[in-house]
Amino acid sequence: MRTETLKDEAFFEKLRRCMAGEHVVIDHDGTHFPARVQFVALDAVKVIPESWLDGSRGAPGDIDGTYEPFKHVVELELNGVRYHREA
């Protein structure tokens, strides 16, 4: 998988094009956790942390995700490319 580092503006534009199910990494007060995109809003993304999905046996849509501002997303996998936000 190819890796690219992008400045915030370009990274956020890629994030706005995400579809449900895309893999992202969220930074919450220095702790990183993987998540799946549930919905993309104008300046935030609704995600389901992958730990919530482990062992889940409900129907799709049963898990209500959490909204995270774009600035908390530090990594995005899209079309076979892993994008990192420039530090």
N, C-alpha and C. Protein backbone atom coordinates (compact mmCIF):
# COMPACT_ATOMS: atom_id res chain seq x y z
N MET A 1 0.85 -1.18 0.00
CA MET A 1 0.00 0.00 0.00
C MET A 1 0.89 1.24 0.00
N ARG A 2 0.59 2.16 -0.89
CA ARG A 2 1.33 3.41 -1.00
C ARG A 2 0.93 4.35 0.14
N THR A 3 1.88 5.15 0.62
CA THR A 3 1.62 6.09 1.70
C THR A 3 1.96 7.50 1.23
N GLU A 4 1.08 8.44 1.55
CA GLU A 4 1.31 9.86 1.23
C GLU A 4 1.03 10.70 2.45
N THR A 5 1.79 11.78 2.57
CA THR A 5 1.57 12.75 3.64
C THR A 5 1.02 14.01 3.00
N LEU A 6 -0.09 14.51 3.55
CA LEU A 6 -0.77 15.67 2.98
C LEU A 6 -0.93 16.78 4.01
N LYS A 7 -0.96 18.01 3.53
CA LYS A 7 -1.29 19.14 4.40
C LYS A 7 -2.78 19.07 4.71
N ASP A 8 -3.19 19.77 5.77
CA ASP A 8 -4.57 19.68 6.25
C ASP A 8 -5.61 19.89 5.15
N GLU A 9 -5.46 20.94 4.35
CA GLU A 9 -6.48 21.26 3.34
C GLU A 9 -6.69 20.09 2.37
N ALA A 10 -5.60 19.52 1.86
CA ALA A 10 -5.70 18.41 0.93
C ALA A 10 -6.21 17.14 1.62
N PHE A 11 -5.76 16.93 2.87
CA PHE A 11 -6.21 15.76 3.63
C PHE A 11 -7.71 15.83 3.89
N PHE A 12 -8.19 17.00 4.32
CA PHE A 12 -9.61 17.16 4.63
C PHE A 12 -10.46 17.01 3.36
N GLU A 13 -9.94 17.42 2.21
CA GLU A 13 -10.67 17.24 0.96
C GLU A 13 -10.82 15.74 0.64
N LYS A 14 -9.78 14.96 0.87
CA LYS A 14 -9.87 13.50 0.69
C LYS A 14 -10.89 12.93 1.66
N LEU A 15 -10.89 13.41 2.89
CA LEU A 15 -11.81 12.93 3.91
C LEU A 15 -13.26 13.22 3.53
N ARG A 16 -13.51 14.36 2.93
CA ARG A 16 -14.87 14.71 2.50
C ARG A 16 -15.40 13.76 1.42
N ARG A 17 -14.50 13.10 0.70
CA ARG A 17 -14.89 12.19 -0.37
C ARG A 17 -15.07 10.74 0.10
N CYS A 18 -14.89 10.52 1.39
CA CYS A 18 -14.98 9.15 1.93
C CYS A 18 -16.40 8.61 1.84
N MET A 19 -16.45 7.31 1.74
CA MET A 19 -17.72 6.58 1.76
C MET A 19 -17.79 5.82 3.09
N ALA A 20 -18.97 5.38 3.44
CA ALA A 20 -19.13 4.57 4.65
C ALA A 20 -18.26 3.33 4.55
N GLY A 21 -17.62 3.00 5.65
CA GLY A 21 -16.80 1.80 5.73
C GLY A 21 -15.31 2.05 5.55
N GLU A 22 -14.92 3.25 5.09
CA GLU A 22 -13.50 3.54 4.92
C GLU A 22 -12.80 3.53 6.29
N HIS A 23 -11.54 3.13 6.27
CA HIS A 23 -10.74 3.04 7.50
C HIS A 23 -10.07 4.37 7.79
N VAL A 24 -10.17 4.84 9.04
CA VAL A 24 -9.49 6.04 9.50
C VAL A 24 -8.85 5.75 10.85
N VAL A 25 -7.91 6.61 11.23
CA VAL A 25 -7.32 6.55 12.57
C VAL A 25 -7.60 7.89 13.22
N ILE A 26 -8.15 7.83 14.43
CA ILE A 26 -8.53 9.02 15.19
C ILE A 26 -7.51 9.24 16.31
N ASP A 27 -7.15 10.49 16.54
CA ASP A 27 -6.27 10.86 17.66
C ASP A 27 -7.14 11.55 18.70
N HIS A 28 -7.27 10.90 19.85
CA HIS A 28 -8.06 11.45 20.95
C HIS A 28 -7.14 11.69 22.13
N ASP A 29 -6.71 12.92 22.31
CA ASP A 29 -5.81 13.29 23.41
C ASP A 29 -4.55 12.43 23.43
N GLY A 30 -3.95 12.22 22.25
CA GLY A 30 -2.71 11.47 22.15
C GLY A 30 -2.88 9.97 22.01
N THR A 31 -4.10 9.46 22.16
CA THR A 31 -4.37 8.05 21.99
C THR A 31 -4.99 7.83 20.62
N HIS A 32 -4.38 6.96 19.84
CA HIS A 32 -4.88 6.67 18.50
C HIS A 32 -5.75 5.42 18.53
N PHE A 33 -6.86 5.46 17.79
CA PHE A 33 -7.69 4.26 17.64
C PHE A 33 -8.23 4.18 16.23
N PRO A 34 -8.28 2.95 15.68
CA PRO A 34 -8.82 2.76 14.33
C PRO A 34 -10.34 2.79 14.36
N ALA A 35 -10.92 3.27 13.29
CA ALA A 35 -12.38 3.37 13.20
C ALA A 35 -12.81 3.22 11.75
N ARG A 36 -14.10 3.03 11.55
CA ARG A 36 -14.70 2.97 10.22
C ARG A 36 -15.66 4.14 10.07
N VAL A 37 -15.62 4.76 8.91
CA VAL A 37 -16.49 5.91 8.63
C VAL A 37 -17.93 5.43 8.53
N GLN A 38 -18.81 6.15 9.20
CA GLN A 38 -20.24 5.88 9.11
C GLN A 38 -20.91 6.97 8.27
N PHE A 39 -20.44 8.21 8.43
CA PHE A 39 -21.04 9.35 7.74
C PHE A 39 -20.05 10.50 7.74
N VAL A 40 -19.97 11.26 6.65
CA VAL A 40 -19.10 12.42 6.57
C VAL A 40 -19.95 13.67 6.49
N ALA A 41 -19.71 14.60 7.41
CA ALA A 41 -20.40 15.89 7.43
C ALA A 41 -19.44 16.95 6.89
N LEU A 42 -19.83 18.21 6.97
CA LEU A 42 -19.03 19.29 6.42
C LEU A 42 -17.65 19.41 7.08
N ASP A 43 -17.60 19.33 8.40
CA ASP A 43 -16.32 19.49 9.09
C ASP A 43 -16.10 18.44 10.19
N ALA A 44 -16.87 17.36 10.12
CA ALA A 44 -16.73 16.27 11.10
C ALA A 44 -17.06 14.96 10.40
N VAL A 45 -16.64 13.89 11.03
CA VAL A 45 -16.91 12.57 10.49
C VAL A 45 -17.50 11.72 11.62
N LYS A 46 -18.55 10.99 11.29
CA LYS A 46 -19.15 10.08 12.26
C LYS A 46 -18.50 8.73 12.04
N VAL A 47 -17.89 8.19 13.09
CA VAL A 47 -17.14 6.95 12.97
C VAL A 47 -17.62 5.93 14.00
N ILE A 48 -17.33 4.68 13.69
CA ILE A 48 -17.54 3.59 14.64
C ILE A 48 -16.16 3.04 14.96
N PRO A 49 -15.70 3.19 16.20
CA PRO A 49 -14.41 2.60 16.56
C PRO A 49 -14.42 1.10 16.29
N GLU A 50 -13.32 0.58 15.75
CA GLU A 50 -13.28 -0.84 15.41
C GLU A 50 -13.46 -1.73 16.62
N SER A 51 -13.09 -1.25 17.81
CA SER A 51 -13.29 -2.06 19.02
C SER A 51 -14.78 -2.27 19.30
N TRP A 52 -15.64 -1.34 18.86
CA TRP A 52 -17.09 -1.51 19.03
C TRP A 52 -17.62 -2.57 18.08
N LEU A 53 -16.92 -2.77 16.96
CA LEU A 53 -17.38 -3.73 15.96
C LEU A 53 -16.99 -5.16 16.31
N ASP A 54 -15.93 -5.33 17.11
CA ASP A 54 -15.49 -6.66 17.49
C ASP A 54 -16.60 -7.41 18.22
N GLY A 55 -16.99 -8.53 17.69
CA GLY A 55 -18.02 -9.35 18.31
C GLY A 55 -19.44 -8.86 18.10
N SER A 56 -19.61 -7.79 17.33
CA SER A 56 -20.96 -7.28 17.07
C SER A 56 -21.71 -8.24 16.18
N ARG A 57 -22.94 -8.54 16.55
CA ARG A 57 -23.75 -9.46 15.77
C ARG A 57 -25.06 -8.82 15.30
N GLY A 58 -25.17 -7.53 15.48
CA GLY A 58 -26.40 -6.83 15.09
C GLY A 58 -26.46 -6.58 13.60
N ALA A 59 -27.57 -6.07 13.17
CA ALA A 59 -27.76 -5.71 11.76
C ALA A 59 -26.99 -4.43 11.46
N PRO A 60 -26.62 -4.24 10.18
CA PRO A 60 -25.95 -2.99 9.82
C PRO A 60 -26.79 -1.80 10.25
N GLY A 61 -26.14 -0.81 10.80
CA GLY A 61 -26.85 0.38 11.26
C GLY A 61 -27.27 0.31 12.71
N ASP A 62 -27.08 -0.83 13.37
CA ASP A 62 -27.46 -0.95 14.78
C ASP A 62 -26.53 -0.17 15.70
N ILE A 63 -25.28 0.02 15.28
CA ILE A 63 -24.32 0.73 16.13
C ILE A 63 -24.34 2.21 15.75
N ASP A 64 -24.57 3.05 16.75
CA ASP A 64 -24.56 4.49 16.54
C ASP A 64 -23.15 4.99 16.84
N GLY A 65 -22.51 5.57 15.84
CA GLY A 65 -21.13 6.03 15.98
C GLY A 65 -21.01 7.32 16.77
N THR A 66 -19.80 7.86 16.73
CA THR A 66 -19.48 9.09 17.43
C THR A 66 -18.92 10.10 16.44
N TYR A 67 -19.28 11.37 16.59
CA TYR A 67 -18.77 12.42 15.70
C TYR A 67 -17.39 12.87 16.17
N GLU A 68 -16.48 12.98 15.22
CA GLU A 68 -15.14 13.47 15.49
C GLU A 68 -14.84 14.60 14.51
N PRO A 69 -14.30 15.72 14.98
CA PRO A 69 -13.93 16.79 14.05
C PRO A 69 -12.81 16.32 13.13
N PHE A 70 -12.76 16.87 11.94
CA PHE A 70 -11.72 16.49 10.98
C PHE A 70 -10.33 16.56 11.60
N LYS A 71 -10.09 17.54 12.47
CA LYS A 71 -8.75 17.73 13.04
C LYS A 71 -8.31 16.54 13.89
N HIS A 72 -9.24 15.68 14.31
CA HIS A 72 -8.88 14.49 15.09
C HIS A 72 -8.51 13.30 14.22
N VAL A 73 -8.79 13.38 12.92
CA VAL A 73 -8.45 12.29 12.01
C VAL A 73 -6.99 12.47 11.57
N VAL A 74 -6.15 11.46 11.81
CA VAL A 74 -4.73 11.58 11.48
C VAL A 74 -4.32 10.67 10.33
N GLU A 75 -5.15 9.71 9.99
CA GLU A 75 -4.83 8.78 8.90
C GLU A 75 -6.12 8.34 8.22
N LEU A 76 -6.00 8.11 6.91
CA LEU A 76 -7.15 7.71 6.10
C LEU A 76 -6.67 6.73 5.03
N GLU A 77 -7.38 5.63 4.86
CA GLU A 77 -7.10 4.70 3.76
C GLU A 77 -8.20 4.88 2.73
N LEU A 78 -7.79 5.20 1.50
CA LEU A 78 -8.75 5.47 0.44
C LEU A 78 -8.18 4.99 -0.89
N ASN A 79 -8.90 4.10 -1.56
CA ASN A 79 -8.49 3.59 -2.87
C ASN A 79 -7.07 3.03 -2.88
N GLY A 80 -6.72 2.27 -1.86
CA GLY A 80 -5.42 1.62 -1.82
C GLY A 80 -4.26 2.53 -1.44
N VAL A 81 -4.55 3.73 -0.97
CA VAL A 81 -3.51 4.66 -0.53
C VAL A 81 -3.77 5.03 0.92
N ARG A 82 -2.71 5.04 1.71
CA ARG A 82 -2.81 5.45 3.11
C ARG A 82 -2.33 6.91 3.19
N TYR A 83 -3.22 7.81 3.56
CA TYR A 83 -2.90 9.23 3.68
C TYR A 83 -2.70 9.57 5.15
N HIS A 84 -1.62 10.31 5.43
CA HIS A 84 -1.32 10.82 6.76
C HIS A 84 -1.41 12.33 6.72
N ARG A 85 -1.88 12.91 7.82
CA ARG A 85 -1.85 14.38 7.93
C ARG A 85 -0.45 14.82 8.29
N GLU A 86 -0.02 15.88 7.67
CA GLU A 86 1.30 16.44 7.98
C GLU A 86 1.29 16.96 9.41
N ALA A 87 2.32 16.65 10.15
CA ALA A 87 2.41 17.07 11.57
C ALA A 87 2.82 18.52 11.69
